[in-house]
Each structure stands twice: as C-alpha cells, then as structure tokens.
C-alpha atoms as a PDB file:
ATOM      1  CA  MET A   1      -0.330  -0.103  -0.087  1.00  0.00           C
ATOM      2  CA  THR A   2       2.853   2.210   0.519  1.00  0.00           C
ATOM      3  CA  ASN A   3       4.109   2.804  -3.404  1.00  0.00           C
ATOM      4  CA  ILE A   4       0.291   3.048  -4.329  1.00  0.00           C
ATOM      5  CA  TRP A   5      -0.073   6.047  -1.765  1.00  0.00           C
ATOM      6  CA  ALA A   6       3.483   7.542  -2.521  1.00  0.00           C
ATOM      7  CA  LEU A   7       2.564   7.369  -6.268  1.00  0.00           C
ATOM      8  CA  LEU A   8      -0.837   9.180  -5.638  1.00  0.00           C
ATOM      9  CA  LEU A   9       0.662  12.285  -3.673  1.00  0.00           C
ATOM     10  CA  SER A  10       3.764  12.236  -6.075  1.00  0.00           C
ATOM     11  CA  THR A  11       0.921  12.355  -8.925  1.00  0.00           C
ATOM     12  CA  ASP A  12       1.483  16.533  -9.021  1.00  0.00           C
ATOM     13  CA  SER A  13       5.201  16.010  -9.546  1.00  0.00           C
ATOM     14  CA  LEU A  14       4.269  14.375 -13.023  1.00  0.00           C
ATOM     15  CA  ILE A  15       1.961  16.757 -14.092  1.00  0.00           C
ATOM     16  CA  ALA A  16       4.468  19.802 -12.830  1.00  0.00           C
ATOM     17  CA  GLY A  17       7.214  18.137 -14.359  1.00  0.00           C
ATOM     18  CA  VAL A  18       5.027  18.358 -17.975  1.00  0.00           C
ATOM     19  CA  ALA A  19       4.281  21.912 -17.578  1.00  0.00           C
ATOM     20  CA  LEU A  20       8.035  22.781 -16.355  1.00  0.00           C
ATOM     21  CA  GLY A  21      10.183  20.578 -18.792  1.00  0.00           C
ATOM     22  CA  PRO A  22       9.620  23.168 -21.736  1.00  0.00           C
ATOM     23  CA  LEU A  23      11.003  25.911 -19.452  1.00  0.00           C
ATOM     24  CA  VAL A  24      14.367  24.292 -18.347  1.00  0.00           C
ATOM     25  CA  SER A  25      17.479  23.003 -19.801  1.00  0.00           C
ATOM     26  CA  ALA A  26      18.325  19.057 -19.598  1.00  0.00           C
ATOM     27  CA  ARG A  27      20.886  19.693 -17.069  1.00  0.00           C
ATOM     28  CA  ASP A  28      18.596  21.603 -14.470  1.00  0.00           C
ATOM     29  CA  ARG A  29      15.625  18.899 -15.230  1.00  0.00           C
ATOM     30  CA  TRP A  30      17.943  16.686 -12.916  1.00  0.00           C
ATOM     31  CA  LEU A  31      17.834  19.108 -10.177  1.00  0.00           C
ATOM     32  CA  LEU A  32      14.674  20.373 -10.332  1.00  0.00           C
ATOM     33  CA  ALA A  33      13.518  16.457 -10.242  1.00  0.00           C
ATOM     34  CA  ALA A  34      15.211  16.040  -7.249  1.00  0.00           C
ATOM     35  CA  LEU A  35      13.965  19.277  -5.738  1.00  0.00           C
ATOM     36  CA  PHE A  36      10.250  18.016  -6.247  1.00  0.00           C
ATOM     37  CA  GLY A  37      11.548  14.473  -4.111  1.00  0.00           C
ATOM     38  CA  LEU A  38      13.446  16.550  -1.706  1.00  0.00           C
ATOM     39  CA  PHE A  39      10.367  18.694  -1.095  1.00  0.00           C
ATOM     40  CA  ASP A  40       7.567  15.853  -1.380  1.00  0.00           C
ATOM     41  CA  GLY A  41       9.388  13.913   1.399  1.00  0.00           C
ATOM     42  CA  LEU A  42       9.975  16.567   3.708  1.00  0.00           C
ATOM     43  CA  GLY A  43       6.299  17.988   3.382  1.00  0.00           C
ATOM     44  CA  THR A  44       5.259  14.687   4.043  1.00  0.00           C
ATOM     45  CA  LEU A  45       7.705  14.103   7.194  1.00  0.00           C
ATOM     46  CA  LEU A  46       6.858  17.620   8.748  1.00  0.00           C
ATOM     47  CA  GLY A  47       2.576  16.659   8.006  1.00  0.00           C
ATOM     48  CA  VAL A  48       3.120  13.211  10.164  1.00  0.00           C
ATOM     49  CA  THR A  49       5.489  14.764  12.637  1.00  0.00           C
ATOM     50  CA  ALA A  50       4.587  18.887  13.144  1.00  0.00           C
ATOM     51  CA  VAL A  51       1.511  20.069  11.406  1.00  0.00           C
ATOM     52  CA  PRO A  52      -1.767  20.431  13.705  1.00  0.00           C
ATOM     53  CA  PRO A  53      -5.031  19.647  11.847  1.00  0.00           C
ATOM     54  CA  SER A  54      -6.077  23.176  11.972  1.00  0.00           C
ATOM     55  CA  ALA A  55      -3.585  24.638   9.339  1.00  0.00           C
ATOM     56  CA  GLN A  56      -5.416  23.068   6.792  1.00  0.00           C
ATOM     57  CA  VAL A  57      -6.813  26.306   6.026  1.00  0.00           C
ATOM     58  CA  ALA A  58      -3.249  27.749   4.764  1.00  0.00           C
ATOM     59  CA  ALA A  59      -3.152  24.778   2.263  1.00  0.00           C
ATOM     60  CA  ASP A  60      -6.471  25.552   0.291  1.00  0.00           C
ATOM     61  CA  LEU A  61      -4.480  28.380  -0.955  1.00  0.00           C
ATOM     62  CA  ILE A  62      -1.969  26.906  -2.049  1.00  0.00           C
ATOM     63  CA  PRO A  63      -3.840  25.592  -5.705  1.00  0.00           C
ATOM     64  CA  LEU A  64      -5.100  29.399  -5.909  1.00  0.00           C
ATOM     65  CA  ALA A  65      -0.935  30.085  -5.951  1.00  0.00           C
ATOM     66  CA  ILE A  66      -0.590  27.158  -8.444  1.00  0.00           C
ATOM     67  CA  ALA A  67      -3.090  28.582 -10.499  1.00  0.00           C
ATOM     68  CA  ALA A  68      -2.116  32.344 -10.558  1.00  0.00           C
ATOM     69  CA  TYR A  69       1.505  30.944 -11.588  1.00  0.00           C
ATOM     70  CA  GLY A  70       0.117  29.201 -14.531  1.00  0.00           C
ATOM     71  CA  ILE A  71      -1.884  32.036 -15.651  1.00  0.00           C
ATOM     72  CA  TYR A  72       1.127  34.143 -15.312  1.00  0.00           C
ATOM     73  CA  LEU A  73       2.856  31.897 -17.635  1.00  0.00           C
ATOM     74  CA  ILE A  74       0.184  31.717 -20.325  1.00  0.00           C
ATOM     75  CA  GLY A  75       0.365  35.855 -19.907  1.00  0.00           C
ATOM     76  CA  VAL A  76       4.215  35.499 -20.563  1.00  0.00           C
ATOM     77  CA  SER A  77       3.381  33.794 -23.509  1.00  0.00           C
ATOM     78  CA  MET A  78       1.027  35.742 -25.124  1.00  0.00           C
ATOM     79  CA  TRP A  79       2.757  39.409 -24.639  1.00  0.00           C
ATOM     80  CA  ALA A  80       5.781  39.018 -23.397  1.00  0.00           C
ATOM     81  CA  ARG A  81       8.807  37.970 -25.648  1.00  0.00           C
ATOM     82  CA  GLY A  82      11.032  37.577 -22.360  1.00  0.00           C
ATOM     83  CA  LYS A  83      12.305  34.181 -20.509  1.00  0.00           C
ATOM     84  CA  VAL A  84      10.358  33.074 -17.329  1.00  0.00           C
ATOM     85  CA  GLY A  85      12.498  34.000 -14.663  1.00  0.00           C
ATOM     86  CA  LYS A  86      14.139  30.693 -12.799  1.00  0.00           C
ATOM     87  CA  PRO A  87      13.517  31.471  -9.226  1.00  0.00           C
ATOM     88  CA  LEU A  88       9.631  30.991  -9.689  1.00  0.00           C
ATOM     89  CA  ILE A  89      10.422  27.495 -11.816  1.00  0.00           C
ATOM     90  CA  TYR A  90      12.109  26.358  -8.500  1.00  0.00           C
ATOM     91  CA  LEU A  91       9.407  27.339  -6.044  1.00  0.00           C
ATOM     92  CA  THR A  92       7.252  25.057  -7.801  1.00  0.00           C
ATOM     93  CA  PRO A  93       8.187  21.880  -5.915  1.00  0.00           C
ATOM     94  CA  VAL A  94       7.677  24.038  -2.666  1.00  0.00           C
ATOM     95  CA  LEU A  95       4.362  24.836  -3.303  1.00  0.00           C
ATOM     96  CA  LEU A  96       3.520  21.260  -4.563  1.00  0.00           C
ATOM     97  CA  ALA A  97       4.616  19.561  -1.230  1.00  0.00           C
ATOM     98  CA  VAL A  98       1.811  21.483   0.609  1.00  0.00           C
ATOM     99  CA  ASP A  99      -0.419  18.512  -0.022  1.00  0.00           C
ATOM    100  CA  ASN A 100       2.167  16.219   1.765  1.00  0.00           C
ATOM    101  CA  LEU A 101       2.105  18.219   4.399  1.00  0.00           C
ATOM    102  CA  PHE A 102      -1.707  17.322   5.196  1.00  0.00           C
ATOM    103  CA  SER A 103      -1.906  13.713   3.698  1.00  0.00           C
ATOM    104  CA  GLY A 104      -0.984  12.137   6.957  1.00  0.00           C
ATOM    105  CA  GLY A 105       1.115   8.464   6.532  1.00  0.00           C
ATOM    106  CA  PRO A 106      -0.032   5.589   4.037  1.00  0.00           C
ATOM    107  CA  ASP A 107      -3.737   4.729   5.067  1.00  0.00           C
ATOM    108  CA  GLY A 108      -4.192   8.292   6.717  1.00  0.00           C
ATOM    109  CA  GLN A 109      -2.064   7.024   9.486  1.00  0.00           C
ATOM    110  CA  ALA A 110      -0.511   9.256  11.800  1.00  0.00           C
ATOM    111  CA  ALA A 111       2.784   6.907  11.465  1.00  0.00           C
ATOM    112  CA  LEU A 112       5.084   6.769   9.020  1.00  0.00           C
ATOM    113  CA  THR A 113       8.600   4.546   8.414  1.00  0.00           C
ATOM    114  CA  VAL A 114      11.647   5.296   6.885  1.00  0.00           C
ATOM    115  CA  SER A 115      10.512   2.850   3.902  1.00  0.00           C
ATOM    116  CA  ASP A 116       7.106   5.446   3.715  1.00  0.00           C
ATOM    117  CA  LEU A 117       9.388   8.687   3.394  1.00  0.00           C
ATOM    118  CA  VAL A 118      11.978   7.242   0.976  1.00  0.00           C
ATOM    119  CA  ALA A 119       9.137   5.967  -1.394  1.00  0.00           C
ATOM    120  CA  ALA A 120       7.492   9.325  -0.888  1.00  0.00           C
ATOM    121  CA  THR A 121      10.764  10.827  -1.771  1.00  0.00           C
ATOM    122  CA  VAL A 122      12.210   8.503  -4.668  1.00  0.00           C
ATOM    123  CA  ILE A 123       8.612   8.100  -6.411  1.00  0.00           C
ATOM    124  CA  SER A 124       8.156  11.921  -6.324  1.00  0.00           C
ATOM    125  CA  ALA A 125      11.475  12.725  -8.050  1.00  0.00           C
ATOM    126  CA  ALA A 126      11.131   9.709 -10.391  1.00  0.00           C
ATOM    127  CA  LEU A 127       8.038  11.232 -11.828  1.00  0.00           C
ATOM    128  CA  ALA A 128       9.051  14.732 -11.701  1.00  0.00           C
ATOM    129  CA  LEU A 129      12.056  13.462 -13.908  1.00  0.00           C
ATOM    130  CA  ALA A 130       9.666  11.918 -16.129  1.00  0.00           C
ATOM    131  CA  GLY A 131       7.604  14.064 -16.345  1.00  0.00           C
ATOM    132  CA  LEU A 132      10.634  16.909 -17.215  1.00  0.00           C
ATOM    133  CA  TRP A 133      11.146  14.947 -20.234  1.00  0.00           C
ATOM    134  CA  PHE A 134       8.075  14.398 -21.406  1.00  0.00           C
ATOM    135  CA  GLY A 135       7.513  17.918 -21.392  1.00  0.00           C
ATOM    136  CA  SER A 136      10.259  18.933 -23.185  1.00  0.00           C
ATOM    137  CA  PHE A 137       9.526  16.283 -25.907  1.00  0.00           C
ATOM    138  CA  LEU A 138       5.974  17.846 -26.065  1.00  0.00           C
ATOM    139  CA  ALA A 139       6.879  21.159 -26.449  1.00  0.00           C
ATOM    140  CA  SER A 140       9.281  20.323 -29.284  1.00  0.00           C
ATOM    141  CA  ALA A 141       6.784  18.030 -31.000  1.00  0.00           C
ATOM    142  CA  THR A 142       4.411  19.960 -30.896  1.00  0.00           C
ATOM    143  CA  GLY A 143       5.598  23.637 -31.092  1.00  0.00           C
ATOM    144  CA  LEU A 144       3.922  25.301 -28.783  1.00  0.00           C
ATOM    145  CA  ARG A 145       5.641  28.234 -26.923  1.00  0.00           C
ATOM    146  CA  PRO A 146       7.115  26.451 -23.713  1.00  0.00           C
ATOM    147  CA  GLU A 147       5.454  29.113 -21.607  1.00  0.00           C
ATOM    148  CA  ARG A 148       1.922  28.574 -22.756  1.00  0.00           C
ATOM    149  CA  LEU A 149       2.149  24.753 -22.306  1.00  0.00           C
ATOM    150  CA  ALA A 150       3.898  25.468 -19.152  1.00  0.00           C
ATOM    151  CA  GLY A 151       0.717  27.458 -17.964  1.00  0.00           C
ATOM    152  CA  ALA A 152      -1.822  25.222 -18.863  1.00  0.00           C
ATOM    153  CA  GLY A 153      -0.314  22.350 -17.311  1.00  0.00           C
ATOM    154  CA  LEU A 154       0.336  24.076 -13.984  1.00  0.00           C
ATOM    155  CA  LEU A 155      -3.641  24.716 -14.489  1.00  0.00           C
ATOM    156  CA  VAL A 156      -3.701  21.120 -14.539  1.00  0.00           C
ATOM    157  CA  ALA A 157      -1.466  20.640 -11.729  1.00  0.00           C
ATOM    158  CA  ALA A 158      -3.231  22.802  -9.553  1.00  0.00           C
ATOM    159  CA  ALA A 159      -6.868  21.062  -9.920  1.00  0.00           C
ATOM    160  CA  ALA A 160      -4.941  17.705  -8.967  1.00  0.00           C
ATOM    161  CA  VAL A 161      -3.740  19.422  -5.988  1.00  0.00           C
ATOM    162  CA  LEU A 162      -7.285  20.788  -5.246  1.00  0.00           C
ATOM    163  CA  ILE A 163      -8.656  16.834  -6.010  1.00  0.00           C
ATOM    164  CA  THR A 164      -6.018  15.126  -3.565  1.00  0.00           C
END
C-alpha cells in the first residue's frame, strides 16, 4: 500500500514536470526533479510529525498560488517576449509539497516509517523527472510556446492538488 500512497501523492510532481519541462535545460531537469523529491519527502515528514490539523486552511490557498503561476506563464507566452524567471520555476516543488503536509501517512495513519518516507521521496523525484523529459519532448513535437504549455500544465497541476 505504501507505493500506491506515494504514487498518488506524487502525481502532482508528474503533471508539474510535464508543464515545466519545456522551460528548463536538460541539466536543470535533474536538479528540479531532485527538488520535487526532496520537498515532497520533507512535506510528508513534517506533515506526520509537526503540522496541526488546524493548518488545513493555509493549504487550501496553495492551488490558487499554483493556478496564478499558470495564468502568469500563459500571459508571458501571449504578451511578453522575455524568458520566465528561474526562481519562480524552482518555487514550484515547494508549493506542490504542501499537499503532502496534510495527507498523513499511508492509509491516513499518523505514523510514518523510513520506507514510507523513502518511497515518497524517490517516487516523486522519478515521476517529476519523467514529466520534465516528456514535457520537453511535447513542446518540441508540437511547436507550442514553452510558456503557454507550462501555464496550461500548471493549471492542471493546481486542479490535481485540489483533488488530492
């Protein structure tokens, strides 16, 4: 059950990876994937050990921040000719890790084993890397502007965070 739990928690990393893949270089994909894994793992650990249930209200605002970023990217692709700033790209793994803060452990447990934590971290990083590579391929295959593809993908990622 641990792997299914970690896989479900990491789906947003895959979606965001597809969205951000066209915006980062091949070398940066590895770093960004590692950040997705790291922050999902930290979010899971902190969620089980340190986050009070009353903090859920703050988590409800995260999909709005991700959606706003997606709209920003679409706007950049339509009206601006400049590149999207990298600091915003590297903020995405932090934003998407917030759902892990409030998910609890596998099966909603309040406990977490080392193997649960490793699974959450590794699966998130692997899915993010797969998404980053596929997003890059998709952008080159379709000819869409990378920012437009990224913006639409982040709107889907925001919806995924709302659902999970």
